[in-house]
Amino acid sequence: MSLKERISSEIKTAMKSGDRNTVSVLRMVKAKILEKEVALRSKKGRDYQLNDEEAVGVILTYAKQRRQSIDSYREGGRDDLAAQEESELLILQQYLPKQLSEEEVEAMVEQAISETGASGPQDMGTVMKALMPKVKGAVDGKLLSEMVQRKLAAG
């Protein structure tokens, strides 16, 4: 079952159980996926459908927006809205790859630094370029960037 099919199936399940929040979030995800497909159809053909990897990319973007909203609401003192965004983010995370622990990410950063021969902050781009294909979707990019910066500065 593809990710799109799973989302459609779980929308139906959530509707039957009366879970309005899940229905709302999954419908939005489904709409974002369809939006991306329509945008790509001019290049890839009329009947183009996103594969699971591309669909995960769409969900990652949507999850990143939720994280940014949470930060903004917290800064603005709107904990009620931040809590709503957090509940939506929890639903989205069910459709994303398993997130790596901080220790796993740290080990991968150290390995990438040694593989690339990075010696300081000026090599940040090289390290990130080596890491991103390995961790795509499994770690927040902001966290990864901060960790790489810290490790390179400590040199």
N, C-alpha and C. Protein backbone atom coordinates (compact mmCIF):
# COMPACT_ATOMS: atom_id res chain seq x y z
N MET A 1 0.84 -1.18 0.00
CA MET A 1 0.00 0.00 0.00
C MET A 1 0.89 1.25 0.00
N SER A 2 0.63 2.13 -0.95
CA SER A 2 1.43 3.35 -1.03
C SER A 2 1.05 4.30 0.11
N LEU A 3 1.89 5.27 0.32
CA LEU A 3 1.65 6.25 1.38
C LEU A 3 0.35 7.01 1.13
N LYS A 4 0.09 7.37 -0.12
CA LYS A 4 -1.15 8.06 -0.47
C LYS A 4 -2.37 7.20 -0.14
N GLU A 5 -2.29 5.93 -0.48
CA GLU A 5 -3.40 5.02 -0.19
C GLU A 5 -3.61 4.87 1.31
N ARG A 6 -2.50 4.80 2.04
CA ARG A 6 -2.57 4.68 3.50
C ARG A 6 -3.25 5.91 4.10
N ILE A 7 -2.88 7.08 3.61
CA ILE A 7 -3.48 8.31 4.11
C ILE A 7 -4.98 8.33 3.82
N SER A 8 -5.37 7.96 2.61
CA SER A 8 -6.79 7.92 2.25
C SER A 8 -7.55 6.95 3.15
N SER A 9 -6.98 5.80 3.37
CA SER A 9 -7.60 4.79 4.22
C SER A 9 -7.76 5.30 5.65
N GLU A 10 -6.73 5.97 6.14
CA GLU A 10 -6.78 6.45 7.52
C GLU A 10 -7.69 7.67 7.68
N ILE A 11 -7.93 8.40 6.60
CA ILE A 11 -8.93 9.47 6.65
C ILE A 11 -10.30 8.85 6.91
N LYS A 12 -10.60 7.78 6.18
CA LYS A 12 -11.89 7.10 6.35
C LYS A 12 -12.04 6.56 7.77
N THR A 13 -10.98 5.94 8.28
CA THR A 13 -11.00 5.40 9.64
C THR A 13 -11.24 6.51 10.66
N ALA A 14 -10.53 7.63 10.49
CA ALA A 14 -10.67 8.76 11.43
C ALA A 14 -12.07 9.36 11.34
N MET A 15 -12.64 9.39 10.14
CA MET A 15 -14.01 9.91 9.99
C MET A 15 -15.00 9.03 10.73
N LYS A 16 -14.82 7.73 10.60
CA LYS A 16 -15.73 6.78 11.27
C LYS A 16 -15.63 6.89 12.78
N SER A 17 -14.42 7.16 13.27
CA SER A 17 -14.24 7.25 14.73
C SER A 17 -14.54 8.65 15.26
N GLY A 18 -14.78 9.61 14.37
CA GLY A 18 -15.12 10.96 14.80
C GLY A 18 -13.93 11.80 15.22
N ASP A 19 -12.74 11.43 14.78
CA ASP A 19 -11.52 12.16 15.13
C ASP A 19 -11.32 13.31 14.14
N ARG A 20 -11.93 14.44 14.43
CA ARG A 20 -11.92 15.58 13.50
C ARG A 20 -10.52 16.14 13.25
N ASN A 21 -9.69 16.16 14.29
CA ASN A 21 -8.34 16.71 14.15
C ASN A 21 -7.53 15.88 13.16
N THR A 22 -7.58 14.56 13.29
CA THR A 22 -6.84 13.69 12.38
C THR A 22 -7.37 13.82 10.96
N VAL A 23 -8.69 13.86 10.82
CA VAL A 23 -9.30 14.02 9.49
C VAL A 23 -8.80 15.31 8.85
N SER A 24 -8.81 16.39 9.61
CA SER A 24 -8.38 17.69 9.10
C SER A 24 -6.92 17.67 8.64
N VAL A 25 -6.05 17.13 9.48
CA VAL A 25 -4.62 17.10 9.16
C VAL A 25 -4.36 16.22 7.94
N LEU A 26 -4.97 15.04 7.91
CA LEU A 26 -4.73 14.12 6.79
C LEU A 26 -5.31 14.65 5.49
N ARG A 27 -6.45 15.32 5.57
CA ARG A 27 -6.99 15.94 4.35
C ARG A 27 -6.04 17.01 3.82
N MET A 28 -5.46 17.77 4.73
CA MET A 28 -4.52 18.81 4.30
C MET A 28 -3.28 18.17 3.67
N VAL A 29 -2.79 17.10 4.25
CA VAL A 29 -1.64 16.39 3.69
C VAL A 29 -1.98 15.86 2.30
N LYS A 30 -3.14 15.26 2.18
CA LYS A 30 -3.58 14.72 0.89
C LYS A 30 -3.67 15.84 -0.16
N ALA A 31 -4.18 16.99 0.25
CA ALA A 31 -4.27 18.14 -0.65
C ALA A 31 -2.89 18.64 -1.06
N LYS A 32 -1.96 18.68 -0.10
CA LYS A 32 -0.59 19.12 -0.42
C LYS A 32 0.08 18.16 -1.40
N ILE A 33 -0.16 16.86 -1.23
CA ILE A 33 0.41 15.86 -2.14
C ILE A 33 -0.18 16.05 -3.53
N LEU A 34 -1.49 16.23 -3.62
CA LEU A 34 -2.15 16.44 -4.90
C LEU A 34 -1.64 17.72 -5.57
N GLU A 35 -1.46 18.76 -4.77
CA GLU A 35 -0.94 20.03 -5.28
C GLU A 35 0.44 19.83 -5.91
N LYS A 36 1.29 19.07 -5.24
CA LYS A 36 2.64 18.79 -5.76
C LYS A 36 2.56 17.97 -7.05
N GLU A 37 1.65 16.99 -7.09
CA GLU A 37 1.49 16.17 -8.29
C GLU A 37 1.06 17.03 -9.48
N VAL A 38 0.10 17.90 -9.26
CA VAL A 38 -0.39 18.77 -10.32
C VAL A 38 0.74 19.66 -10.82
N ALA A 39 1.55 20.18 -9.90
CA ALA A 39 2.67 21.04 -10.29
C ALA A 39 3.69 20.28 -11.14
N LEU A 40 3.87 19.00 -10.87
CA LEU A 40 4.87 18.21 -11.59
C LEU A 40 4.34 17.61 -12.90
N ARG A 41 3.04 17.61 -13.09
CA ARG A 41 2.46 16.96 -14.27
C ARG A 41 2.85 17.62 -15.57
N SER A 42 3.12 18.91 -15.56
CA SER A 42 3.52 19.57 -16.81
C SER A 42 4.89 19.06 -17.28
N LYS A 43 5.72 18.62 -16.34
CA LYS A 43 7.05 18.12 -16.69
C LYS A 43 7.07 16.61 -16.89
N LYS A 44 6.26 15.89 -16.09
CA LYS A 44 6.40 14.44 -16.06
C LYS A 44 5.22 13.68 -16.64
N GLY A 45 4.26 14.37 -17.21
CA GLY A 45 3.14 13.67 -17.84
C GLY A 45 1.84 13.88 -17.09
N ARG A 46 0.75 13.75 -17.84
CA ARG A 46 -0.58 14.05 -17.33
C ARG A 46 -1.02 13.21 -16.14
N ASP A 47 -0.61 11.98 -16.10
CA ASP A 47 -1.07 11.07 -15.06
C ASP A 47 -0.03 10.84 -13.96
N TYR A 48 0.91 11.76 -13.83
CA TYR A 48 2.00 11.56 -12.87
C TYR A 48 1.48 11.47 -11.44
N GLN A 49 1.98 10.49 -10.70
CA GLN A 49 1.67 10.30 -9.29
C GLN A 49 2.98 10.33 -8.50
N LEU A 50 2.96 10.99 -7.35
CA LEU A 50 4.16 11.01 -6.51
C LEU A 50 4.44 9.61 -5.97
N ASN A 51 5.74 9.26 -5.92
CA ASN A 51 6.08 8.01 -5.25
C ASN A 51 6.17 8.29 -3.75
N ASP A 52 6.38 7.25 -2.96
CA ASP A 52 6.37 7.41 -1.50
C ASP A 52 7.46 8.37 -1.02
N GLU A 53 8.62 8.32 -1.64
CA GLU A 53 9.72 9.19 -1.22
C GLU A 53 9.36 10.66 -1.45
N GLU A 54 8.75 10.94 -2.59
CA GLU A 54 8.34 12.32 -2.89
C GLU A 54 7.22 12.76 -1.95
N ALA A 55 6.30 11.85 -1.64
CA ALA A 55 5.21 12.16 -0.71
C ALA A 55 5.75 12.46 0.68
N VAL A 56 6.75 11.71 1.10
CA VAL A 56 7.38 11.98 2.40
C VAL A 56 8.01 13.37 2.39
N GLY A 57 8.59 13.77 1.27
CA GLY A 57 9.16 15.11 1.15
C GLY A 57 8.11 16.19 1.36
N VAL A 58 6.92 15.97 0.81
CA VAL A 58 5.82 16.91 0.99
C VAL A 58 5.42 16.98 2.46
N ILE A 59 5.34 15.82 3.10
CA ILE A 59 4.95 15.78 4.51
C ILE A 59 6.04 16.43 5.38
N LEU A 60 7.31 16.23 5.01
CA LEU A 60 8.41 16.87 5.74
C LEU A 60 8.28 18.39 5.70
N THR A 61 7.96 18.92 4.53
CA THR A 61 7.80 20.36 4.38
C THR A 61 6.66 20.86 5.26
N TYR A 62 5.56 20.13 5.24
CA TYR A 62 4.39 20.49 6.05
C TYR A 62 4.73 20.41 7.55
N ALA A 63 5.48 19.39 7.94
CA ALA A 63 5.88 19.25 9.34
C ALA A 63 6.81 20.40 9.76
N LYS A 64 7.68 20.80 8.86
CA LYS A 64 8.58 21.92 9.15
C LYS A 64 7.77 23.20 9.39
N GLN A 65 6.73 23.39 8.59
CA GLN A 65 5.86 24.55 8.78
C GLN A 65 5.19 24.50 10.15
N ARG A 66 4.78 23.32 10.57
CA ARG A 66 4.15 23.17 11.89
C ARG A 66 5.15 23.54 12.98
N ARG A 67 6.41 23.08 12.85
CA ARG A 67 7.43 23.40 13.86
C ARG A 67 7.66 24.90 13.94
N GLN A 68 7.72 25.56 12.77
CA GLN A 68 7.92 27.00 12.76
C GLN A 68 6.74 27.73 13.40
N SER A 69 5.54 27.24 13.15
CA SER A 69 4.35 27.83 13.77
C SER A 69 4.39 27.66 15.28
N ILE A 70 4.80 26.49 15.73
CA ILE A 70 4.90 26.24 17.18
C ILE A 70 5.84 27.25 17.81
N ASP A 71 7.01 27.44 17.19
CA ASP A 71 7.99 28.42 17.72
C ASP A 71 7.39 29.82 17.75
N SER A 72 6.72 30.21 16.67
CA SER A 72 6.13 31.55 16.60
C SER A 72 5.05 31.75 17.65
N TYR A 73 4.20 30.75 17.82
CA TYR A 73 3.13 30.86 18.81
C TYR A 73 3.70 30.92 20.22
N ARG A 74 4.74 30.13 20.48
CA ARG A 74 5.36 30.16 21.82
C ARG A 74 5.95 31.54 22.09
N GLU A 75 6.64 32.12 21.09
CA GLU A 75 7.23 33.45 21.26
C GLU A 75 6.15 34.50 21.50
N GLY A 76 4.99 34.30 20.87
CA GLY A 76 3.89 35.24 21.01
C GLY A 76 3.02 34.99 22.22
N GLY A 77 3.37 33.98 23.01
CA GLY A 77 2.61 33.69 24.22
C GLY A 77 1.28 33.00 23.96
N ARG A 78 1.15 32.37 22.81
CA ARG A 78 -0.11 31.68 22.46
C ARG A 78 0.08 30.18 22.60
N ASP A 79 0.16 29.72 23.84
CA ASP A 79 0.38 28.31 24.12
C ASP A 79 -0.77 27.43 23.64
N ASP A 80 -2.00 27.99 23.60
CA ASP A 80 -3.14 27.23 23.12
C ASP A 80 -2.98 26.86 21.65
N LEU A 81 -2.54 27.82 20.84
CA LEU A 81 -2.33 27.56 19.41
C LEU A 81 -1.11 26.67 19.19
N ALA A 82 -0.09 26.85 20.03
CA ALA A 82 1.10 26.00 19.93
C ALA A 82 0.73 24.56 20.22
N ALA A 83 -0.13 24.34 21.20
CA ALA A 83 -0.56 22.98 21.56
C ALA A 83 -1.33 22.34 20.39
N GLN A 84 -2.16 23.12 19.71
CA GLN A 84 -2.89 22.62 18.55
C GLN A 84 -1.92 22.20 17.44
N GLU A 85 -0.93 23.04 17.18
CA GLU A 85 0.07 22.73 16.16
C GLU A 85 0.86 21.48 16.55
N GLU A 86 1.18 21.33 17.83
CA GLU A 86 1.92 20.15 18.30
C GLU A 86 1.10 18.88 18.08
N SER A 87 -0.20 18.95 18.31
CA SER A 87 -1.03 17.76 18.09
C SER A 87 -1.06 17.40 16.61
N GLU A 88 -1.08 18.42 15.74
CA GLU A 88 -1.03 18.16 14.30
C GLU A 88 0.32 17.55 13.91
N LEU A 89 1.38 18.05 14.50
CA LEU A 89 2.72 17.54 14.21
C LEU A 89 2.84 16.07 14.61
N LEU A 90 2.25 15.70 15.73
CA LEU A 90 2.27 14.30 16.17
C LEU A 90 1.60 13.39 15.13
N ILE A 91 0.52 13.86 14.55
CA ILE A 91 -0.16 13.08 13.51
C ILE A 91 0.74 12.94 12.29
N LEU A 92 1.38 14.03 11.89
CA LEU A 92 2.26 14.01 10.72
C LEU A 92 3.43 13.06 10.91
N GLN A 93 3.96 13.01 12.12
CA GLN A 93 5.16 12.20 12.38
C GLN A 93 4.91 10.71 12.18
N GLN A 94 3.64 10.29 12.20
CA GLN A 94 3.33 8.89 11.94
C GLN A 94 3.63 8.49 10.49
N TYR A 95 3.74 9.48 9.62
CA TYR A 95 3.96 9.21 8.19
C TYR A 95 5.38 9.54 7.75
N LEU A 96 6.21 9.88 8.70
CA LEU A 96 7.61 10.22 8.41
C LEU A 96 8.52 9.09 8.87
N PRO A 97 9.73 9.03 8.31
CA PRO A 97 10.69 8.01 8.76
C PRO A 97 10.98 8.19 10.25
N LYS A 98 11.38 7.08 10.89
CA LYS A 98 11.74 7.13 12.31
C LYS A 98 12.83 8.17 12.51
N GLN A 99 12.62 9.03 13.50
CA GLN A 99 13.59 10.08 13.78
C GLN A 99 14.80 9.49 14.50
N LEU A 100 15.97 9.95 14.11
CA LEU A 100 17.21 9.48 14.74
C LEU A 100 17.39 10.15 16.10
N SER A 101 18.01 9.44 17.02
CA SER A 101 18.29 10.01 18.33
C SER A 101 19.46 10.99 18.20
N GLU A 102 19.62 11.82 19.20
CA GLU A 102 20.70 12.80 19.17
C GLU A 102 22.07 12.12 19.13
N GLU A 103 22.19 10.98 19.81
CA GLU A 103 23.45 10.24 19.82
C GLU A 103 23.76 9.69 18.42
N GLU A 104 22.73 9.17 17.75
CA GLU A 104 22.93 8.64 16.39
C GLU A 104 23.35 9.75 15.43
N VAL A 105 22.70 10.90 15.57
CA VAL A 105 23.02 12.04 14.70
C VAL A 105 24.44 12.51 14.97
N GLU A 106 24.81 12.57 16.24
CA GLU A 106 26.16 13.01 16.61
C GLU A 106 27.21 12.08 16.01
N ALA A 107 26.96 10.77 16.08
CA ALA A 107 27.90 9.81 15.50
C ALA A 107 28.01 9.99 13.99
N MET A 108 26.89 10.25 13.34
CA MET A 108 26.91 10.45 11.89
C MET A 108 27.64 11.74 11.52
N VAL A 109 27.47 12.78 12.34
CA VAL A 109 28.16 14.05 12.10
C VAL A 109 29.67 13.85 12.22
N GLU A 110 30.10 13.16 13.29
CA GLU A 110 31.52 12.92 13.48
C GLU A 110 32.10 12.09 12.33
N GLN A 111 31.35 11.10 11.87
CA GLN A 111 31.80 10.28 10.75
C GLN A 111 31.92 11.11 9.48
N ALA A 112 30.93 11.97 9.22
CA ALA A 112 30.96 12.81 8.02
C ALA A 112 32.13 13.80 8.07
N ILE A 113 32.41 14.32 9.25
CA ILE A 113 33.54 15.25 9.40
C ILE A 113 34.84 14.54 9.09
N SER A 114 35.01 13.32 9.60
CA SER A 114 36.26 12.60 9.34
C SER A 114 36.33 12.16 7.87
N GLU A 115 35.21 11.75 7.27
CA GLU A 115 35.21 11.32 5.86
C GLU A 115 35.54 12.47 4.91
N THR A 116 35.03 13.67 5.24
CA THR A 116 35.25 14.81 4.35
C THR A 116 36.55 15.54 4.65
N GLY A 117 37.16 15.24 5.78
CA GLY A 117 38.40 15.92 6.15
C GLY A 117 38.16 17.36 6.58
N ALA A 118 36.95 17.65 7.04
CA ALA A 118 36.60 19.01 7.45
C ALA A 118 37.44 19.41 8.67
N SER A 119 37.87 20.69 8.66
CA SER A 119 38.73 21.13 9.75
C SER A 119 38.21 22.37 10.48
N GLY A 120 37.15 22.96 9.97
CA GLY A 120 36.64 24.16 10.64
C GLY A 120 35.32 24.59 10.07
N PRO A 121 34.78 25.70 10.59
CA PRO A 121 33.46 26.19 10.17
C PRO A 121 33.33 26.45 8.67
N GLN A 122 34.45 26.73 8.01
CA GLN A 122 34.40 26.98 6.57
C GLN A 122 34.02 25.73 5.77
N ASP A 123 34.10 24.56 6.40
CA ASP A 123 33.77 23.29 5.72
C ASP A 123 32.35 22.82 6.00
N MET A 124 31.54 23.70 6.57
CA MET A 124 30.16 23.34 6.94
C MET A 124 29.37 22.80 5.74
N GLY A 125 29.45 23.47 4.60
CA GLY A 125 28.71 23.05 3.41
C GLY A 125 29.10 21.66 2.95
N THR A 126 30.37 21.35 3.00
CA THR A 126 30.87 20.05 2.58
C THR A 126 30.32 18.94 3.48
N VAL A 127 30.32 19.19 4.77
CA VAL A 127 29.82 18.20 5.73
C VAL A 127 28.32 18.01 5.56
N MET A 128 27.59 19.11 5.44
CA MET A 128 26.13 19.03 5.28
C MET A 128 25.78 18.29 3.98
N LYS A 129 26.52 18.54 2.93
CA LYS A 129 26.28 17.88 1.64
C LYS A 129 26.48 16.37 1.77
N ALA A 130 27.46 15.97 2.56
CA ALA A 130 27.71 14.54 2.78
C ALA A 130 26.63 13.91 3.67
N LEU A 131 26.11 14.67 4.62
CA LEU A 131 25.15 14.14 5.58
C LEU A 131 23.71 14.07 5.06
N MET A 132 23.27 15.06 4.34
CA MET A 132 21.86 15.18 3.98
C MET A 132 21.27 13.95 3.30
N PRO A 133 21.93 13.33 2.33
CA PRO A 133 21.31 12.14 1.74
C PRO A 133 21.13 10.99 2.74
N LYS A 134 21.99 10.93 3.75
CA LYS A 134 21.93 9.85 4.73
C LYS A 134 20.82 10.05 5.76
N VAL A 135 20.49 11.31 6.06
CA VAL A 135 19.55 11.58 7.14
C VAL A 135 18.24 12.20 6.68
N LYS A 136 18.04 12.34 5.40
CA LYS A 136 16.86 13.03 4.88
C LYS A 136 15.58 12.49 5.52
N GLY A 137 14.88 13.38 6.17
CA GLY A 137 13.62 13.02 6.79
C GLY A 137 13.73 12.40 8.17
N ALA A 138 14.92 11.97 8.55
CA ALA A 138 15.08 11.29 9.83
C ALA A 138 15.60 12.20 10.93
N VAL A 139 15.89 13.45 10.58
CA VAL A 139 16.36 14.41 11.58
C VAL A 139 15.99 15.82 11.12
N ASP A 140 15.70 16.67 12.08
CA ASP A 140 15.38 18.05 11.78
C ASP A 140 16.63 18.75 11.25
N GLY A 141 16.52 19.42 10.11
CA GLY A 141 17.66 20.08 9.48
C GLY A 141 18.30 21.14 10.36
N LYS A 142 17.48 21.83 11.12
CA LYS A 142 17.99 22.88 12.01
C LYS A 142 18.88 22.26 13.09
N LEU A 143 18.42 21.17 13.68
CA LEU A 143 19.21 20.47 14.70
C LEU A 143 20.52 19.97 14.11
N LEU A 144 20.44 19.40 12.92
CA LEU A 144 21.64 18.88 12.25
C LEU A 144 22.64 20.00 11.99
N SER A 145 22.16 21.10 11.47
CA SER A 145 23.02 22.24 11.17
C SER A 145 23.71 22.76 12.43
N GLU A 146 22.96 22.89 13.52
CA GLU A 146 23.54 23.36 14.78
C GLU A 146 24.60 22.41 15.30
N MET A 147 24.34 21.11 15.16
CA MET A 147 25.29 20.11 15.65
C MET A 147 26.58 20.14 14.82
N VAL A 148 26.45 20.27 13.51
CA VAL A 148 27.63 20.34 12.64
C VAL A 148 28.44 21.59 12.99
N GLN A 149 27.77 22.71 13.15
CA GLN A 149 28.46 23.95 13.50
C GLN A 149 29.24 23.82 14.81
N ARG A 150 28.58 23.21 15.81
CA ARG A 150 29.22 23.01 17.12
C ARG A 150 30.46 22.16 16.99
N LYS A 151 30.34 21.04 16.26
CA LYS A 151 31.46 20.10 16.11
C LYS A 151 32.62 20.74 15.35
N LEU A 152 32.29 21.50 14.31
CA LEU A 152 33.36 22.14 13.52
C LEU A 152 34.03 23.26 14.30
N ALA A 153 33.28 23.98 15.10
CA ALA A 153 33.85 25.07 15.91
C ALA A 153 34.76 24.50 16.99
N ALA A 154 34.37 23.33 17.54
CA ALA A 154 35.19 22.70 18.56
C ALA A 154 36.45 22.11 17.97
N GLY A 155 36.33 21.79 16.65
CA GLY A 155 37.44 21.32 15.85
C GLY A 155 38.27 20.31 16.46
